[in-house]
Each structure stands twice: as C-alpha cells, then as structure tokens.
C-alpha cells in the first residue's frame, strides 16, 4: 500500500519520523516481513529500549502496525511497516486529502 501526503503539517509529522537512520532501517526491515523488538534489536545491534523508543515514534507517525503475540517470556510486539511507498507532494495543486492511501 502507498501513502500520499500533501498537507504541510502531515509532511512535517512524517519527515520527523525519518530524521533517524534507525527509524528508516526499522521501516525498511519491517516492510519485508514483520519483526519483534528482539529481532530488530539483534539485526540493528541496538538495545531493546532504543528500538522500543524508535518504534513508538514510528507508531505515533502512523507508519507501522503493531500486533501482540504470546512469546517465550510473555507478550511480544510484532512490528510491520504499513506502507511500501510514501509519496510527498509539494505542489500547490496537490490533492485535497492530506493523507491518501492507495493500493498499487
């Protein structure tokens, strides 16, 4: 699914989510397949706390889906990127919808 953004406020919200290479990497990894916090922590060689913080930022921006599953030591978060493509329209004649989802 694609996300098309044209509203300046929404562009700012999304761009702040991209201000961290860790968050970009999380989006890239989870666009291929869902991952747990532990799996992301291992792949990115970062602490679970740092990954959790970055995931929270992506969730706040509306860029990921989170599901909960039973794990070995309790409930675990499974993270999946919502979009395959994010398009930012800067022209003034852009669509009236600030957030527009399309399936291509």
Protein backbone atom coordinates (compact mmCIF):
# COMPACT_ATOMS: atom_id res chain seq x y z
CA UNK A 1 0.00 0.00 0.00
CA UNK A 2 1.18 3.53 -0.76
CA UNK A 3 0.81 6.70 1.29
CA UNK A 4 0.48 10.06 -0.48
CA UNK A 5 0.90 13.19 1.66
CA UNK A 6 0.35 16.81 0.62
CA UNK A 7 -0.61 18.77 3.76
CA UNK A 8 2.41 20.68 5.18
CA UNK A 9 1.60 19.66 8.78
CA UNK A 10 1.44 16.00 7.79
CA UNK A 11 4.67 16.33 5.80
CA UNK A 12 6.36 17.71 8.91
CA UNK A 13 5.00 14.87 11.06
CA UNK A 14 6.20 12.21 8.62
CA UNK A 15 9.56 13.88 7.98
CA UNK A 16 10.32 13.96 11.70
CA UNK A 17 9.85 10.18 11.72
CA UNK A 18 12.54 9.99 9.01
CA UNK A 19 15.01 12.11 10.98
CA UNK A 20 16.64 8.96 12.39
CA UNK A 21 18.52 6.35 10.37
CA UNK A 22 17.40 3.75 12.92
CA UNK A 23 13.73 4.50 12.20
CA UNK A 24 14.36 4.36 8.46
CA UNK A 25 16.06 0.98 8.88
CA UNK A 26 13.18 -0.30 11.01
CA UNK A 27 10.73 0.70 8.26
CA UNK A 28 12.85 -0.97 5.58
CA UNK A 29 13.26 -4.19 7.56
CA UNK A 30 9.60 -4.44 8.58
CA UNK A 31 8.37 -3.70 5.06
CA UNK A 32 9.81 -7.08 4.07
CA UNK A 33 8.40 -9.06 7.00
CA UNK A 34 7.05 -8.42 10.49
CA UNK A 35 9.68 -8.40 13.25
CA UNK A 36 9.67 -8.40 17.04
CA UNK A 37 11.54 -5.85 19.16
CA UNK A 38 14.12 -8.55 19.96
CA UNK A 39 14.63 -9.41 16.28
CA UNK A 40 15.05 -5.74 15.38
CA UNK A 41 17.42 -5.28 18.31
CA UNK A 42 19.58 -8.16 17.07
CA UNK A 43 19.53 -7.10 13.41
CA UNK A 44 20.34 -3.46 14.14
CA UNK A 45 22.71 -4.26 17.04
CA UNK A 46 20.92 -1.85 19.38
CA UNK A 47 19.31 -2.19 22.79
CA UNK A 48 15.68 -3.26 23.05
CA UNK A 49 14.98 0.00 24.88
CA UNK A 50 16.32 2.07 21.99
CA UNK A 51 14.36 0.02 19.45
CA UNK A 52 11.18 0.37 21.54
CA UNK A 53 11.63 4.14 21.65
CA UNK A 54 12.14 4.32 17.88
CA UNK A 55 9.12 2.07 17.27
CA UNK A 56 7.00 4.40 19.43
CA UNK A 57 7.98 7.34 17.22
CA UNK A 58 7.01 5.40 14.09
CA UNK A 59 3.72 4.35 15.68
CA UNK A 60 2.98 7.99 16.60
CA UNK A 61 3.59 8.97 12.96
CA UNK A 62 1.18 6.24 11.81
CA UNK A 63 3.81 4.43 9.74
CA UNK A 64 3.73 0.99 11.38
CA UNK A 65 1.23 -1.57 12.60
CA UNK A 66 1.79 -3.35 15.89
CA UNK A 67 0.36 -6.72 16.83
CA UNK A 68 0.85 -8.61 20.06
CA UNK A 69 1.68 -12.32 20.25
CA UNK A 70 2.48 -14.73 23.02
CA UNK A 71 6.22 -15.19 23.37
CA UNK A 72 8.51 -17.34 25.50
CA UNK A 73 8.67 -14.74 28.27
CA UNK A 74 5.26 -13.11 27.91
CA UNK A 75 3.66 -10.93 25.27
CA UNK A 76 5.82 -9.64 22.42
CA UNK A 77 5.27 -6.77 19.99
CA UNK A 78 5.35 -7.60 16.30
CA UNK A 79 6.06 -4.60 14.09
CA UNK A 80 5.12 -4.27 10.41
CA UNK A 81 5.53 -1.27 8.14
CA UNK A 82 2.12 -0.05 6.89
CA UNK A 83 3.34 1.27 3.54
CA UNK A 84 5.52 0.08 0.68
CA UNK A 85 5.87 3.57 -0.70
CA UNK A 86 5.50 7.06 0.79
CA UNK A 87 4.98 9.95 -1.62
CA UNK A 88 5.21 13.60 -0.56
CA UNK A 89 3.52 16.08 -2.90
CA UNK A 90 4.88 19.61 -2.62
CA UNK A 91 2.98 21.35 -5.42
CA UNK A 92 0.10 23.65 -4.50
CA UNK A 93 -2.28 21.88 -6.88
CA UNK A 94 -1.91 18.63 -4.92
CA UNK A 95 -4.91 16.58 -3.95
CA UNK A 96 -7.20 17.97 -1.25
CA UNK A 97 -6.67 14.97 1.02
CA UNK A 98 -3.68 15.48 3.26
CA UNK A 99 -3.23 11.72 3.76
CA UNK A 100 -4.27 9.49 0.92
CA UNK A 101 -3.77 5.75 0.83
CA UNK A 102 -3.61 3.95 -2.46
CA UNK A 103 -3.06 0.33 -3.35
CA UNK A 104 -0.76 -0.06 -6.32
